[in-house]
C-alpha atoms as a PDB file:
ATOM      1  CA  GLN A   1      -0.082  -0.149   0.196  1.00  0.00           C
ATOM      2  CA  GLY A   2       3.077   2.206   0.327  1.00  0.00           C
ATOM      3  CA  LEU A   3       2.875   2.938   3.929  1.00  0.00           C
ATOM      4  CA  THR A   4       5.547   2.362   6.076  1.00  0.00           C
ATOM      5  CA  PRO A   5       4.568   1.417  10.085  1.00  0.00           C
ATOM      6  CA  GLY A   6       5.855   3.442  13.000  1.00  0.00           C
ATOM      7  CA  PRO A   7       6.070   6.810  14.283  1.00  0.00           C
ATOM      8  CA  LEU A   8       6.438   8.576  11.037  1.00  0.00           C
ATOM      9  CA  LEU A   9       3.134   7.221   9.601  1.00  0.00           C
ATOM     10  CA  PHE A  10       1.553  10.084  11.605  1.00  0.00           C
ATOM     11  CA  GLU A  11       3.490  12.453   9.788  1.00  0.00           C
ATOM     12  CA  GLN A  12       3.373  11.056   6.439  1.00  0.00           C
ATOM     13  CA  ASN A  13       0.158  10.006   5.820  1.00  0.00           C
ATOM     14  CA  PRO A  14      -2.248  11.474   8.559  1.00  0.00           C
ATOM     15  CA  GLU A  15      -5.006  11.501   6.329  1.00  0.00           C
ATOM     16  CA  ILE A  16      -4.964   7.385   6.475  1.00  0.00           C
ATOM     17  CA  VAL A  17      -4.277   7.420  10.155  1.00  0.00           C
ATOM     18  CA  TYR A  18      -7.550   9.921  11.045  1.00  0.00           C
ATOM     19  CA  GLY A  19      -9.305   8.167   8.671  1.00  0.00           C
ATOM     20  CA  LEU A  20      -8.578   5.045  10.354  1.00  0.00           C
ATOM     21  CA  PHE A  21      -9.301   6.401  13.648  1.00  0.00           C
ATOM     22  CA  SER A  22     -12.654   8.118  12.637  1.00  0.00           C
ATOM     23  CA  SER A  23     -14.054   4.706  11.098  1.00  0.00           C
ATOM     24  CA  MET A  24     -13.156   3.174  14.115  1.00  0.00           C
ATOM     25  CA  ILE A  25     -14.907   5.744  16.427  1.00  0.00           C
ATOM     26  CA  ILE A  26     -18.100   5.710  14.103  1.00  0.00           C
ATOM     27  CA  GLY A  27     -17.932   1.783  14.082  1.00  0.00           C
ATOM     28  CA  ASN A  28     -17.955   1.752  17.719  1.00  0.00           C
ATOM     29  CA  ILE A  29     -20.788   4.436  18.154  1.00  0.00           C
ATOM     30  CA  LEU A  30     -22.772   2.385  15.686  1.00  0.00           C
ATOM     31  CA  LEU A  31     -22.048  -1.090  17.169  1.00  0.00           C
ATOM     32  CA  LEU A  32     -23.165   0.596  20.768  1.00  0.00           C
ATOM     33  CA  PHE A  33     -26.542   1.420  19.137  1.00  0.00           C
ATOM     34  CA  ILE A  34     -27.075  -2.002  17.665  1.00  0.00           C
ATOM     35  CA  GLY A  35     -26.428  -3.436  20.697  1.00  0.00           C
ATOM     36  CA  LEU A  36     -28.815  -1.548  22.709  1.00  0.00           C
ATOM     37  CA  ALA A  37     -31.279  -1.543  19.855  1.00  0.00           C
ATOM     38  CA  GLY A  38     -30.833  -5.627  20.250  1.00  0.00           C
ATOM     39  CA  ILE A  39     -30.584  -6.270  23.762  1.00  0.00           C
ATOM     40  CA  LYS A  40     -33.724  -8.040  24.132  1.00  0.00           C
ATOM     41  CA  PHE A  41     -33.000 -10.158  21.491  1.00  0.00           C
ATOM     42  CA  TYR A  42     -29.494 -10.988  22.235  1.00  0.00           C
ATOM     43  CA  SER A  43     -30.379 -11.740  26.027  1.00  0.00           C
ATOM     44  CA  ARG A  44     -32.968 -14.362  24.753  1.00  0.00           C
ATOM     45  CA  ILE A  45     -30.011 -16.321  23.322  1.00  0.00           C
ATOM     46  CA  VAL A  46     -29.041 -17.872  26.522  1.00  0.00           C
ATOM     47  CA  GLU A  47     -32.888 -19.531  26.728  1.00  0.00           C
ATOM     48  CA  ILE A  48     -31.912 -21.463  23.446  1.00  0.00           C
ATOM     49  CA  PRO A  49     -31.723 -25.192  24.389  1.00  0.00           C
ATOM     50  CA  LYS A  50     -28.344 -26.993  24.696  1.00  0.00           C
ATOM     51  CA  THR A  51     -30.064 -29.917  22.427  1.00  0.00           C
ATOM     52  CA  LEU A  52     -30.205 -27.123  19.594  1.00  0.00           C
ATOM     53  CA  MET A  53     -27.061 -25.139  20.598  1.00  0.00           C
ATOM     54  CA  ILE A  54     -24.448 -27.574  20.728  1.00  0.00           C
ATOM     55  CA  PRO A  55     -25.156 -29.419  17.278  1.00  0.00           C
ATOM     56  CA  ALA A  56     -24.885 -25.514  15.592  1.00  0.00           C
ATOM     57  CA  ILE A  57     -21.560 -24.855  17.460  1.00  0.00           C
ATOM     58  CA  LEU A  58     -20.342 -28.195  16.498  1.00  0.00           C
ATOM     59  CA  ILE A  59     -21.464 -27.478  12.483  1.00  0.00           C
ATOM     60  CA  LEU A  60     -20.025 -23.894  12.583  1.00  0.00           C
ATOM     61  CA  SER A  61     -16.635 -24.684  14.211  1.00  0.00           C
ATOM     62  CA  THR A  62     -16.315 -27.728  11.402  1.00  0.00           C
ATOM     63  CA  ILE A  63     -17.149 -25.432   8.796  1.00  0.00           C
ATOM     64  CA  GLY A  64     -14.822 -22.737   9.916  1.00  0.00           C
ATOM     65  CA  SER A  65     -11.967 -25.162  10.519  1.00  0.00           C
ATOM     66  CA  TYR A  66     -12.173 -26.608   7.222  1.00  0.00           C
ATOM     67  CA  SER A  67     -12.832 -23.188   5.437  1.00  0.00           C
ATOM     68  CA  MET A  68      -9.309 -21.732   6.722  1.00  0.00           C
ATOM     69  CA  ASN A  69      -7.406 -23.961   4.360  1.00  0.00           C
ATOM     70  CA  ASN A  70      -9.911 -26.397   2.781  1.00  0.00           C
ATOM     71  CA  SER A  71      -8.099 -29.148   4.592  1.00  0.00           C
ATOM     72  CA  LEU A  72     -10.097 -32.352   6.386  1.00  0.00           C
ATOM     73  CA  PHE A  73      -6.832 -32.592   8.339  1.00  0.00           C
ATOM     74  CA  ASP A  74      -7.839 -29.166  10.032  1.00  0.00           C
ATOM     75  CA  VAL A  75     -11.189 -30.477  11.002  1.00  0.00           C
ATOM     76  CA  GLY A  76      -9.679 -33.567  12.456  1.00  0.00           C
ATOM     77  CA  VAL A  77      -7.414 -31.602  14.542  1.00  0.00           C
ATOM     78  CA  THR A  78     -10.415 -29.313  15.458  1.00  0.00           C
ATOM     79  CA  PHE A  79     -12.275 -32.926  16.906  1.00  0.00           C
ATOM     80  CA  VAL A  80      -9.385 -33.962  18.667  1.00  0.00           C
ATOM     81  CA  PHE A  81      -8.821 -30.652  20.545  1.00  0.00           C
ATOM     82  CA  GLY A  82     -12.537 -30.703  21.430  1.00  0.00           C
ATOM     83  CA  ILE A  83     -12.615 -34.137  22.677  1.00  0.00           C
ATOM     84  CA  ILE A  84      -9.399 -32.974  24.569  1.00  0.00           C
ATOM     85  CA  GLY A  85     -10.713 -29.949  26.063  1.00  0.00           C
ATOM     86  CA  TYR A  86     -14.279 -31.930  27.123  1.00  0.00           C
ATOM     87  CA  ILE A  87     -11.929 -34.478  28.693  1.00  0.00           C
ATOM     88  CA  MET A  88     -10.124 -31.657  30.564  1.00  0.00           C
ATOM     89  CA  SER A  89     -13.678 -30.196  31.788  1.00  0.00           C
ATOM     90  CA  LYS A  90     -14.732 -33.635  32.991  1.00  0.00           C
ATOM     91  CA  ILE A  91     -11.438 -34.071  35.301  1.00  0.00           C
ATOM     92  CA  LYS A  92     -11.621 -30.713  36.497  1.00  0.00           C
ATOM     93  CA  MET A  93      -8.173 -29.345  34.444  1.00  0.00           C
ATOM     94  CA  PRO A  94      -7.947 -25.349  33.985  1.00  0.00           C
ATOM     95  CA  SER A  95      -7.923 -25.018  29.989  1.00  0.00           C
ATOM     96  CA  SER A  96      -6.784 -21.111  30.470  1.00  0.00           C
ATOM     97  CA  PRO A  97      -3.042 -21.989  30.747  1.00  0.00           C
ATOM     98  CA  ILE A  98      -3.219 -24.014  27.894  1.00  0.00           C
ATOM     99  CA  VAL A  99      -4.590 -21.704  25.611  1.00  0.00           C
ATOM    100  CA  LEU A 100      -2.231 -19.133  26.966  1.00  0.00           C
ATOM    101  CA  ALA A 101       0.749 -21.408  26.011  1.00  0.00           C
ATOM    102  CA  VAL A 102      -0.586 -21.989  22.506  1.00  0.00           C
ATOM    103  CA  ILE A 103      -1.331 -18.247  21.829  1.00  0.00           C
ATOM    104  CA  LEU A 104       1.540 -16.780  23.556  1.00  0.00           C
ATOM    105  CA  GLY A 105       4.275 -19.642  22.817  1.00  0.00           C
ATOM    106  CA  PRO A 106       5.019 -18.866  19.070  1.00  0.00           C
ATOM    107  CA  MET A 107       5.832 -15.233  20.362  1.00  0.00           C
ATOM    108  CA  LEU A 108       8.016 -16.474  23.364  1.00  0.00           C
ATOM    109  CA  GLU A 109       9.883 -18.427  20.505  1.00  0.00           C
ATOM    110  CA  THR A 110      10.645 -16.030  18.055  1.00  0.00           C
ATOM    111  CA  ASN A 111      11.575 -13.057  20.546  1.00  0.00           C
ATOM    112  CA  LEU A 112      13.851 -15.850  22.261  1.00  0.00           C
ATOM    113  CA  ARG A 113      15.447 -16.653  19.123  1.00  0.00           C
ATOM    114  CA  LYS A 114      15.884 -12.884  18.476  1.00  0.00           C
ATOM    115  CA  ALA A 115      17.620 -12.502  21.493  1.00  0.00           C
ATOM    116  CA  VAL A 116      19.759 -15.494  21.231  1.00  0.00           C
ATOM    117  CA  LEU A 117      20.876 -14.071  18.067  1.00  0.00           C
ATOM    118  CA  MET A 118      21.872 -10.697  19.666  1.00  0.00           C
ATOM    119  CA  TYR A 119      23.814 -12.280  22.126  1.00  0.00           C
ATOM    120  CA  GLU A 120      25.598 -14.168  19.285  1.00  0.00           C
ATOM    121  CA  GLY A 121      24.303 -17.833  20.222  1.00  0.00           C
ATOM    122  CA  SER A 122      24.474 -17.452  24.042  1.00  0.00           C
ATOM    123  CA  TYR A 123      21.758 -17.938  26.831  1.00  0.00           C
ATOM    124  CA  SER A 124      24.151 -16.158  29.126  1.00  0.00           C
ATOM    125  CA  PHE A 125      21.747 -13.222  28.947  1.00  0.00           C
ATOM    126  CA  LEU A 126      19.232 -15.077  30.924  1.00  0.00           C
ATOM    127  CA  TYR A 127      20.833 -14.893  34.135  1.00  0.00           C
ATOM    128  CA  THR A 128      23.489 -12.068  33.832  1.00  0.00           C
ATOM    129  CA  ARG A 129      21.113  -9.390  33.183  1.00  0.00           C
ATOM    130  CA  PRO A 130      19.446  -7.854  36.431  1.00  0.00           C
ATOM    131  CA  ILE A 131      15.744  -7.662  34.748  1.00  0.00           C
ATOM    132  CA  THR A 132      15.612 -11.052  33.411  1.00  0.00           C
ATOM    133  CA  VAL A 133      17.170 -12.283  36.664  1.00  0.00           C
ATOM    134  CA  VAL A 134      14.255 -10.685  38.563  1.00  0.00           C
ATOM    135  CA  PHE A 135      11.521 -12.131  35.953  1.00  0.00           C
ATOM    136  CA  LEU A 136      12.918 -15.447  36.474  1.00  0.00           C
ATOM    137  CA  ILE A 137      12.609 -15.313  39.992  1.00  0.00           C
ATOM    138  CA  LEU A 138       9.204 -14.138  40.062  1.00  0.00           C
ATOM    139  CA  THR A 139       8.260 -16.883  37.606  1.00  0.00           C
ATOM    140  CA  VAL A 140       9.753 -19.401  40.137  1.00  0.00           C
ATOM    141  CA  LEU A 141       7.909 -17.795  43.001  1.00  0.00           C
ATOM    142  CA  SER A 142       4.595 -17.493  41.062  1.00  0.00           C
ATOM    143  CA  MET A 143       4.946 -21.404  40.399  1.00  0.00           C
ATOM    144  CA  ILE A 144       5.859 -22.427  43.800  1.00  0.00           C
ATOM    145  CA  SER A 145       2.967 -20.139  44.883  1.00  0.00           C
ATOM    146  CA  ALA A 146       0.679 -22.107  42.547  1.00  0.00           C
ATOM    147  CA  LEU A 147       1.730 -25.379  43.606  1.00  0.00           C
ATOM    148  CA  LYS A 148       1.117 -24.407  47.451  1.00  0.00           C
ATOM    149  CA  LYS A 149      -2.314 -23.256  46.872  1.00  0.00           C
ATOM    150  CA  LYS A 150      -3.320 -26.546  45.089  1.00  0.00           C
ATOM    151  CA  LYS A 151      -2.276 -28.652  48.087  1.00  0.00           C
END
């Protein structure tokens, strides 16, 4: 599009930035009115019986997983993780740590790789820099306190 992201975008292409901000403000205002107008309808969604809701969710998630790459493998992965999630809920295992790991894991891996390249292949920055030592200590303390709470 010929745009360079960063702070200079505000100086070089202010019409794009202000147009984007304006459209977001207008969109939020419209969403407010649409939400307020349909609040009675939206609140009745919770009254839909599970016998109708669960098949609808399964069908829509199957269609969505297939439509991403037009691959039945993706549908299989969706069902496998759905079964894993169901089993986790039955044994009362929290799913939020796994969701966080799936979302944040690739970012952590990418940034760790960049940091190791900056330090020429050495992991020494993990224990020689004061800020990383503080974060490592906080991580260990957090894990210990979570284990103590569980007992």
